[in-house]
């Protein structure tokens, strides 16, 4: 097969994949902007309080965690840094929220991208959520045990304020 045919096939395949992704991601981005404008993230974070309590995350970590889950690490990281600088998140919260988001960030957008490429969406969502919950819960329990044995554990550095 000549090189030009290979390049043509690659370009057509890539264009098809990009089109499939755009059909899902662009409407999702519009939806995300609407959610932000309506402050639905703040309301949803209140409903998550019982789950966060089980995971050992205080109320101060709710909005950064929700933002990371819905909007991804870029927006979530901005809120995490802001909350840390304002003292709304403890070092423990920072550690637990970051561990959770490393495993399970941008849950909807990432899932939709993989669905556009042919993956089964519900499997991706369930596996990522279960792993994030189990690992964050285990870490929270471990930190609690260590704190009881040796006093508070420094789990994340403090951020300088501006």
N, C-alpha and C. Protein backbone atom coordinates (compact mmCIF):
# COMPACT_ATOMS: atom_id res chain seq x y z
N UNK A 1 0.85 -1.18 0.00
CA UNK A 1 0.00 0.00 0.00
C UNK A 1 0.90 1.24 0.00
N UNK A 2 0.74 2.11 -0.96
CA UNK A 2 1.57 3.32 -1.01
C UNK A 2 1.32 4.20 0.21
N UNK A 3 2.30 5.00 0.51
CA UNK A 3 2.26 5.89 1.67
C UNK A 3 1.08 6.86 1.58
N UNK A 4 0.80 7.37 0.42
CA UNK A 4 -0.31 8.33 0.29
C UNK A 4 -1.66 7.69 0.63
N UNK A 5 -1.86 6.45 0.26
CA UNK A 5 -3.11 5.76 0.61
C UNK A 5 -3.22 5.56 2.11
N UNK A 6 -2.10 5.23 2.74
CA UNK A 6 -2.09 5.04 4.20
C UNK A 6 -2.42 6.37 4.89
N UNK A 7 -1.80 7.44 4.43
CA UNK A 7 -2.07 8.75 5.02
C UNK A 7 -3.51 9.18 4.80
N UNK A 8 -4.04 8.89 3.61
CA UNK A 8 -5.44 9.23 3.32
C UNK A 8 -6.38 8.47 4.24
N UNK A 9 -6.13 7.17 4.41
CA UNK A 9 -6.96 6.34 5.30
C UNK A 9 -6.88 6.83 6.74
N UNK A 10 -5.68 7.19 7.18
CA UNK A 10 -5.50 7.69 8.54
C UNK A 10 -6.24 9.01 8.73
N UNK A 11 -6.13 9.89 7.75
CA UNK A 11 -6.79 11.19 7.84
C UNK A 11 -8.31 11.03 7.87
N UNK A 12 -8.85 10.17 7.02
CA UNK A 12 -10.30 9.95 7.00
C UNK A 12 -10.79 9.33 8.30
N UNK A 13 -10.05 8.36 8.81
CA UNK A 13 -10.42 7.73 10.08
C UNK A 13 -10.37 8.72 11.23
N UNK A 14 -9.31 9.55 11.25
CA UNK A 14 -9.19 10.56 12.30
C UNK A 14 -10.31 11.58 12.21
N UNK A 15 -10.63 12.02 11.00
CA UNK A 15 -11.70 13.00 10.82
C UNK A 15 -13.03 12.44 11.28
N UNK A 16 -13.27 11.18 11.02
CA UNK A 16 -14.51 10.53 11.45
C UNK A 16 -14.59 10.48 12.98
N UNK A 17 -13.47 10.12 13.62
CA UNK A 17 -13.43 10.06 15.09
C UNK A 17 -13.64 11.44 15.70
N UNK A 18 -12.98 12.45 15.12
CA UNK A 18 -13.12 13.81 15.63
C UNK A 18 -14.56 14.29 15.49
N UNK A 19 -15.19 13.97 14.38
CA UNK A 19 -16.59 14.36 14.18
C UNK A 19 -17.49 13.72 15.24
N UNK A 20 -17.27 12.42 15.50
CA UNK A 20 -18.06 11.73 16.53
C UNK A 20 -17.87 12.37 17.89
N UNK A 21 -16.65 12.72 18.21
CA UNK A 21 -16.36 13.33 19.51
C UNK A 21 -17.00 14.72 19.59
N UNK A 22 -16.90 15.51 18.51
CA UNK A 22 -17.46 16.86 18.51
C UNK A 22 -18.97 16.85 18.69
N UNK A 23 -19.64 15.87 18.11
CA UNK A 23 -21.09 15.79 18.22
C UNK A 23 -21.51 15.63 19.68
N UNK A 24 -20.67 15.00 20.48
CA UNK A 24 -20.98 14.79 21.89
C UNK A 24 -20.40 15.91 22.75
N UNK A 25 -19.14 16.28 22.54
CA UNK A 25 -18.46 17.21 23.44
C UNK A 25 -18.99 18.64 23.34
N UNK A 26 -19.27 19.14 22.16
CA UNK A 26 -19.73 20.53 22.04
C UNK A 26 -21.06 20.75 22.76
N UNK A 27 -22.08 19.91 22.54
CA UNK A 27 -23.31 20.10 23.34
C UNK A 27 -23.06 19.94 24.84
N UNK A 28 -22.16 19.03 25.21
CA UNK A 28 -21.85 18.85 26.63
C UNK A 28 -21.22 20.12 27.21
N UNK A 29 -20.33 20.75 26.46
CA UNK A 29 -19.70 21.98 26.94
C UNK A 29 -20.73 23.09 27.12
N UNK A 30 -21.69 23.17 26.23
CA UNK A 30 -22.77 24.15 26.38
C UNK A 30 -23.57 23.84 27.65
N UNK A 31 -23.88 22.57 27.86
CA UNK A 31 -24.60 22.13 29.05
C UNK A 31 -23.83 22.49 30.32
N UNK A 32 -22.52 22.29 30.31
CA UNK A 32 -21.68 22.62 31.47
C UNK A 32 -21.75 24.11 31.77
N UNK A 33 -21.71 24.93 30.76
CA UNK A 33 -21.80 26.38 30.97
C UNK A 33 -23.16 26.76 31.58
N UNK A 34 -24.22 26.11 31.16
CA UNK A 34 -25.55 26.37 31.73
C UNK A 34 -25.57 25.97 33.20
N UNK A 35 -25.00 24.81 33.52
CA UNK A 35 -24.92 24.35 34.91
C UNK A 35 -24.18 25.38 35.77
N UNK A 36 -23.05 25.86 35.26
CA UNK A 36 -22.28 26.86 36.01
C UNK A 36 -23.08 28.13 36.22
N UNK A 37 -23.77 28.60 35.19
CA UNK A 37 -24.53 29.84 35.29
C UNK A 37 -25.71 29.72 36.27
N UNK A 38 -26.29 28.55 36.38
CA UNK A 38 -27.43 28.34 37.27
C UNK A 38 -27.01 27.93 38.69
N UNK A 39 -25.72 27.85 38.96
CA UNK A 39 -25.18 27.46 40.27
C UNK A 39 -25.69 26.09 40.73
N UNK A 40 -25.93 25.21 39.79
CA UNK A 40 -26.40 23.87 40.15
C UNK A 40 -25.33 23.05 40.85
N UNK A 41 -24.06 23.38 40.62
CA UNK A 41 -22.97 22.67 41.27
C UNK A 41 -23.01 22.89 42.78
N UNK A 42 -23.29 24.12 43.20
CA UNK A 42 -23.40 24.42 44.63
C UNK A 42 -24.53 23.61 45.27
N UNK A 43 -25.65 23.54 44.58
CA UNK A 43 -26.80 22.80 45.12
C UNK A 43 -26.52 21.30 45.19
N UNK A 44 -25.89 20.76 44.17
CA UNK A 44 -25.58 19.33 44.15
C UNK A 44 -24.57 18.96 45.22
N UNK A 45 -23.65 19.85 45.51
CA UNK A 45 -22.64 19.54 46.52
C UNK A 45 -23.26 19.37 47.90
N UNK A 46 -24.33 20.10 48.18
CA UNK A 46 -25.03 19.93 49.45
C UNK A 46 -25.65 18.55 49.57
N UNK A 47 -26.17 18.04 48.47
CA UNK A 47 -26.76 16.71 48.47
C UNK A 47 -25.70 15.62 48.65
N UNK A 48 -24.46 15.95 48.33
CA UNK A 48 -23.39 14.95 48.45
C UNK A 48 -22.80 14.86 49.85
N UNK A 49 -23.22 15.72 50.76
CA UNK A 49 -22.62 15.78 52.09
C UNK A 49 -22.55 14.42 52.80
N UNK A 50 -23.62 13.61 52.79
CA UNK A 50 -23.52 12.31 53.48
C UNK A 50 -22.44 11.40 52.87
N UNK A 51 -22.32 11.41 51.56
CA UNK A 51 -21.31 10.58 50.90
C UNK A 51 -19.91 11.08 51.25
N UNK A 52 -19.76 12.39 51.25
CA UNK A 52 -18.45 12.97 51.57
C UNK A 52 -18.05 12.64 53.01
N UNK A 53 -19.02 12.65 53.90
CA UNK A 53 -18.74 12.33 55.29
C UNK A 53 -18.18 10.91 55.41
N UNK A 54 -18.77 9.97 54.68
CA UNK A 54 -18.29 8.59 54.69
C UNK A 54 -16.87 8.51 54.14
N UNK A 55 -16.57 9.33 53.13
CA UNK A 55 -15.24 9.34 52.53
C UNK A 55 -14.23 10.14 53.36
N UNK A 56 -14.68 10.75 54.45
CA UNK A 56 -13.78 11.50 55.31
C UNK A 56 -13.45 12.88 54.79
N UNK A 57 -14.27 13.42 53.89
CA UNK A 57 -14.04 14.74 53.30
C UNK A 57 -15.02 15.72 53.92
N UNK A 58 -14.50 16.86 54.37
CA UNK A 58 -15.37 17.85 55.00
C UNK A 58 -16.18 18.60 53.95
N UNK A 59 -17.11 19.43 54.43
CA UNK A 59 -17.98 20.20 53.54
C UNK A 59 -17.18 21.12 52.61
N UNK A 60 -16.03 21.57 53.07
CA UNK A 60 -15.19 22.45 52.26
C UNK A 60 -14.68 21.80 50.99
N UNK A 61 -14.65 20.48 50.97
CA UNK A 61 -14.18 19.77 49.78
C UNK A 61 -15.28 19.44 48.79
N UNK A 62 -16.53 19.75 49.13
CA UNK A 62 -17.65 19.34 48.28
C UNK A 62 -17.63 20.00 46.90
N UNK A 63 -17.53 21.32 46.86
CA UNK A 63 -17.59 22.01 45.57
C UNK A 63 -16.37 21.68 44.70
N UNK A 64 -15.14 21.69 45.25
CA UNK A 64 -14.01 21.29 44.39
C UNK A 64 -14.15 19.85 43.87
N UNK A 65 -14.65 18.95 44.69
CA UNK A 65 -14.83 17.57 44.25
C UNK A 65 -15.88 17.49 43.15
N UNK A 66 -17.00 18.17 43.34
CA UNK A 66 -18.05 18.17 42.32
C UNK A 66 -17.55 18.79 41.02
N UNK A 67 -16.81 19.88 41.13
CA UNK A 67 -16.29 20.54 39.93
C UNK A 67 -15.35 19.61 39.17
N UNK A 68 -14.49 18.93 39.90
CA UNK A 68 -13.58 17.99 39.25
C UNK A 68 -14.30 16.83 38.61
N UNK A 69 -15.35 16.36 39.26
CA UNK A 69 -16.14 15.26 38.69
C UNK A 69 -16.85 15.68 37.41
N UNK A 70 -17.45 16.86 37.44
CA UNK A 70 -18.27 17.31 36.32
C UNK A 70 -17.44 17.97 35.24
N UNK A 71 -16.58 18.91 35.61
CA UNK A 71 -15.88 19.73 34.63
C UNK A 71 -14.47 19.27 34.32
N UNK A 72 -13.90 18.42 35.14
CA UNK A 72 -12.54 17.96 34.88
C UNK A 72 -11.52 18.58 35.81
N UNK A 73 -10.28 18.18 35.60
CA UNK A 73 -9.21 18.60 36.50
C UNK A 73 -8.83 20.07 36.36
N UNK A 74 -8.96 20.62 35.19
CA UNK A 74 -8.56 22.02 35.02
C UNK A 74 -9.40 22.94 35.89
N UNK A 75 -10.70 22.86 35.77
CA UNK A 75 -11.59 23.70 36.56
C UNK A 75 -11.57 23.26 38.03
N UNK A 76 -11.58 21.96 38.25
CA UNK A 76 -11.54 21.43 39.61
C UNK A 76 -10.29 21.85 40.35
N UNK A 77 -9.14 21.82 39.66
CA UNK A 77 -7.89 22.21 40.29
C UNK A 77 -7.92 23.68 40.69
N UNK A 78 -8.51 24.51 39.85
CA UNK A 78 -8.62 25.92 40.19
C UNK A 78 -9.42 26.13 41.46
N UNK A 79 -10.52 25.39 41.60
CA UNK A 79 -11.33 25.51 42.81
C UNK A 79 -10.64 24.91 44.02
N UNK A 80 -9.88 23.83 43.82
CA UNK A 80 -9.14 23.22 44.92
C UNK A 80 -8.10 24.20 45.45
N UNK A 81 -7.35 24.82 44.54
CA UNK A 81 -6.33 25.78 44.95
C UNK A 81 -6.96 26.96 45.67
N UNK A 82 -8.07 27.46 45.13
CA UNK A 82 -8.75 28.59 45.75
C UNK A 82 -9.26 28.21 47.15
N UNK A 83 -9.88 27.04 47.29
CA UNK A 83 -10.40 26.61 48.59
C UNK A 83 -9.27 26.41 49.59
N UNK A 84 -8.15 25.88 49.14
CA UNK A 84 -7.01 25.68 50.04
C UNK A 84 -6.44 27.01 50.51
N UNK A 85 -6.31 27.95 49.59
CA UNK A 85 -5.78 29.27 49.96
C UNK A 85 -6.71 30.00 50.92
N UNK A 86 -8.00 29.77 50.78
CA UNK A 86 -8.97 30.43 51.66
C UNK A 86 -9.16 29.65 52.97
N UNK A 87 -8.50 28.52 53.12
CA UNK A 87 -8.58 27.74 54.35
C UNK A 87 -9.85 26.92 54.49
N UNK A 88 -10.57 26.71 53.39
CA UNK A 88 -11.82 25.93 53.46
C UNK A 88 -11.57 24.44 53.37
N UNK A 89 -10.35 24.04 53.01
CA UNK A 89 -10.01 22.62 52.92
C UNK A 89 -8.80 22.34 53.79
N UNK A 90 -8.89 21.29 54.57
CA UNK A 90 -7.76 20.88 55.39
C UNK A 90 -6.77 20.10 54.52
N UNK A 91 -5.55 19.91 55.02
CA UNK A 91 -4.61 19.07 54.27
C UNK A 91 -5.18 17.66 54.00
N UNK A 92 -5.93 17.15 54.94
CA UNK A 92 -6.57 15.84 54.75
C UNK A 92 -7.58 15.90 53.60
N UNK A 93 -8.41 16.95 53.58
CA UNK A 93 -9.38 17.13 52.49
C UNK A 93 -8.67 17.21 51.15
N UNK A 94 -7.60 17.99 51.10
CA UNK A 94 -6.83 18.13 49.85
C UNK A 94 -6.37 16.77 49.35
N UNK A 95 -5.83 15.99 50.25
CA UNK A 95 -5.32 14.67 49.85
C UNK A 95 -6.45 13.78 49.36
N UNK A 96 -7.53 13.69 50.11
CA UNK A 96 -8.63 12.80 49.75
C UNK A 96 -9.33 13.23 48.47
N UNK A 97 -9.57 14.52 48.31
CA UNK A 97 -10.22 15.01 47.09
C UNK A 97 -9.32 14.74 45.88
N UNK A 98 -8.03 15.00 46.03
CA UNK A 98 -7.11 14.76 44.92
C UNK A 98 -7.01 13.29 44.55
N UNK A 99 -6.98 12.41 45.53
CA UNK A 99 -6.94 10.97 45.24
C UNK A 99 -8.21 10.56 44.50
N UNK A 100 -9.35 11.03 44.99
CA UNK A 100 -10.62 10.70 44.32
C UNK A 100 -10.60 11.18 42.87
N UNK A 101 -10.17 12.42 42.65
CA UNK A 101 -10.21 12.99 41.31
C UNK A 101 -9.15 12.42 40.37
N UNK A 102 -8.06 11.93 40.91
CA UNK A 102 -7.07 11.26 40.05
C UNK A 102 -7.73 10.06 39.39
N UNK A 103 -8.56 9.36 40.12
CA UNK A 103 -9.22 8.16 39.60
C UNK A 103 -10.48 8.52 38.81
N UNK A 104 -11.19 9.52 39.25
CA UNK A 104 -12.52 9.75 38.70
C UNK A 104 -12.78 11.24 38.46
N UNK A 105 -12.12 11.81 37.46
CA UNK A 105 -12.34 13.21 37.12
C UNK A 105 -13.07 13.29 35.78
N UNK A 106 -13.70 14.41 35.55
CA UNK A 106 -14.41 14.66 34.29
C UNK A 106 -15.23 13.44 33.87
N UNK A 107 -15.98 12.95 34.82
CA UNK A 107 -16.70 11.68 34.65
C UNK A 107 -17.58 11.66 33.41
N UNK A 108 -18.33 12.70 33.18
CA UNK A 108 -19.29 12.70 32.08
C UNK A 108 -18.61 12.93 30.73
N UNK A 109 -17.75 13.93 30.67
CA UNK A 109 -17.11 14.24 29.39
C UNK A 109 -16.22 13.09 28.92
N UNK A 110 -15.39 12.57 29.81
CA UNK A 110 -14.53 11.44 29.43
C UNK A 110 -15.36 10.24 28.98
N UNK A 111 -16.41 9.96 29.72
CA UNK A 111 -17.27 8.83 29.37
C UNK A 111 -17.89 9.03 27.99
N UNK A 112 -18.39 10.24 27.74
CA UNK A 112 -19.01 10.51 26.44
C UNK A 112 -18.00 10.38 25.30
N UNK A 113 -16.78 10.78 25.53
CA UNK A 113 -15.75 10.63 24.50
C UNK A 113 -15.52 9.15 24.20
N UNK A 114 -15.40 8.35 25.25
CA UNK A 114 -15.17 6.92 25.04
C UNK A 114 -16.38 6.24 24.41
N UNK A 115 -17.57 6.69 24.76
CA UNK A 115 -18.79 6.15 24.14
C UNK A 115 -18.79 6.47 22.64
N UNK A 116 -18.37 7.68 22.29
CA UNK A 116 -18.29 8.06 20.88
C UNK A 116 -17.31 7.17 20.12
N UNK A 117 -16.33 6.64 20.83
CA UNK A 117 -15.34 5.75 20.21
C UNK A 117 -15.74 4.28 20.29
N UNK A 118 -16.93 4.00 20.87
CA UNK A 118 -17.45 2.64 20.88
C UNK A 118 -17.45 1.92 22.21
N UNK A 119 -17.03 2.57 23.29
CA UNK A 119 -17.00 1.92 24.60
C UNK A 119 -18.41 1.88 25.21
N UNK A 120 -18.57 1.06 26.24
CA UNK A 120 -19.84 0.95 26.97
C UNK A 120 -19.78 1.92 28.15
N UNK A 121 -20.58 2.99 28.07
CA UNK A 121 -20.50 4.08 29.03
C UNK A 121 -20.75 3.71 30.47
N UNK A 122 -21.78 2.93 30.74
CA UNK A 122 -22.11 2.63 32.13
C UNK A 122 -21.01 1.84 32.81
N UNK A 123 -20.29 1.02 32.07
CA UNK A 123 -19.19 0.25 32.67
C UNK A 123 -18.07 1.21 33.09
N UNK A 124 -17.76 2.17 32.24
CA UNK A 124 -16.73 3.15 32.56
C UNK A 124 -17.10 3.94 33.80
N UNK A 125 -18.34 4.42 33.87
CA UNK A 125 -18.80 5.22 35.01
C UNK A 125 -18.75 4.39 36.29
N UNK A 126 -19.30 3.20 36.26
CA UNK A 126 -19.37 2.36 37.47
C UNK A 126 -17.97 2.01 37.97
N UNK A 127 -17.10 1.56 37.08
CA UNK A 127 -15.76 1.16 37.49
C UNK A 127 -14.99 2.34 38.08
N UNK A 128 -15.04 3.48 37.41
CA UNK A 128 -14.32 4.65 37.91
C UNK A 128 -14.87 5.11 39.27
N UNK A 129 -16.20 5.17 39.41
CA UNK A 129 -16.77 5.60 40.68
C UNK A 129 -16.46 4.62 41.81
N UNK A 130 -16.62 3.34 41.54
CA UNK A 130 -16.36 2.34 42.58
C UNK A 130 -14.90 2.39 43.02
N UNK A 131 -13.98 2.42 42.06
CA UNK A 131 -12.57 2.50 42.41
C UNK A 131 -12.26 3.76 43.21
N UNK A 132 -12.78 4.89 42.78
CA UNK A 132 -12.52 6.14 43.49
C UNK A 132 -13.06 6.10 44.91
N UNK A 133 -14.27 5.59 45.08
CA UNK A 133 -14.87 5.51 46.41
C UNK A 133 -14.11 4.55 47.30
N UNK A 134 -13.80 3.36 46.81
CA UNK A 134 -13.11 2.35 47.62
C UNK A 134 -11.72 2.84 48.03
N UNK A 135 -10.97 3.36 47.09
CA UNK A 135 -9.60 3.79 47.40
C UNK A 135 -9.60 5.01 48.31
N UNK A 136 -10.47 5.97 48.06
CA UNK A 136 -10.55 7.15 48.92
C UNK A 136 -11.01 6.77 50.32
N UNK A 137 -11.98 5.88 50.42
CA UNK A 137 -12.45 5.41 51.73
C UNK A 137 -11.33 4.71 52.48
N UNK A 138 -10.60 3.83 51.79
CA UNK A 138 -9.49 3.11 52.43
C UNK A 138 -8.42 4.09 52.91
N UNK A 139 -8.09 5.07 52.10
CA UNK A 139 -7.10 6.06 52.50
C UNK A 139 -7.59 6.87 53.69
N UNK A 140 -8.86 7.26 53.69
CA UNK A 140 -9.42 8.02 54.81
C UNK A 140 -9.34 7.21 56.10
N UNK A 141 -9.68 5.92 56.02
CA UNK A 141 -9.58 5.07 57.22
C UNK A 141 -8.13 4.95 57.69
N UNK A 142 -7.22 4.79 56.75
CA UNK A 142 -5.80 4.69 57.08
C UNK A 142 -5.32 5.97 57.78
N UNK A 143 -5.70 7.13 57.23
CA UNK A 143 -5.30 8.40 57.82
C UNK A 143 -5.90 8.57 59.21
N UNK A 144 -7.13 8.12 59.41
CA UNK A 144 -7.77 8.19 60.73
C UNK A 144 -7.01 7.35 61.74
N UNK A 145 -6.63 6.15 61.35
CA UNK A 145 -5.86 5.27 62.25
C UNK A 145 -4.52 5.90 62.60
N UNK A 146 -3.84 6.44 61.59
CA UNK A 146 -2.54 7.08 61.83
C UNK A 146 -2.68 8.29 62.74
N UNK A 147 -3.75 9.07 62.56
CA UNK A 147 -3.96 10.24 63.39
C UNK A 147 -4.22 9.85 64.84
N UNK A 148 -4.94 8.76 65.05
CA UNK A 148 -5.20 8.29 66.40
C UNK A 148 -3.93 7.80 67.07
N UNK A 149 -3.04 7.20 66.30
CA UNK A 149 -1.80 6.66 66.85
C UNK A 149 -0.73 7.73 67.08
N UNK A 150 -0.62 8.69 66.16
CA UNK A 150 0.51 9.61 66.22
C UNK A 150 0.12 11.08 66.16
N UNK A 151 -1.13 11.40 66.31
CA UNK A 151 -1.56 12.79 66.15
C UNK A 151 -1.81 13.09 64.68
N UNK A 152 -2.22 14.31 64.39
CA UNK A 152 -2.56 14.66 62.99
C UNK A 152 -1.41 14.39 62.03
N UNK A 153 -1.76 13.83 60.90
CA UNK A 153 -0.79 13.50 59.87
C UNK A 153 -0.80 14.61 58.83
N UNK A 154 0.38 15.14 58.50
CA UNK A 154 0.47 16.15 57.45
C UNK A 154 0.37 15.41 56.12
N UNK A 155 -0.77 15.55 55.43
CA UNK A 155 -1.00 14.79 54.21
C UNK A 155 -0.79 15.59 52.95
N UNK A 156 -0.82 16.90 53.04
CA UNK A 156 -0.59 17.74 51.87
C UNK A 156 -0.05 19.07 52.34
N UNK A 157 0.80 19.67 51.55
CA UNK A 157 1.39 20.95 51.93
C UNK A 157 0.36 22.06 51.86
N UNK A 158 0.58 23.09 52.64
CA UNK A 158 -0.32 24.24 52.56
C UNK A 158 0.11 25.12 51.41
N UNK A 159 -0.84 25.80 50.85
CA UNK A 159 -0.56 26.66 49.70
C UNK A 159 -0.41 28.09 50.16
N UNK A 160 0.52 28.81 49.56
CA UNK A 160 0.67 30.22 49.95
C UNK A 160 -0.52 31.04 49.47
N UNK A 161 -0.88 32.03 50.25
CA UNK A 161 -1.99 32.89 49.84
C UNK A 161 -1.45 34.09 49.09
N UNK A 162 -2.29 34.64 48.25
CA UNK A 162 -1.88 35.84 47.48
C UNK A 162 -2.17 37.09 48.23
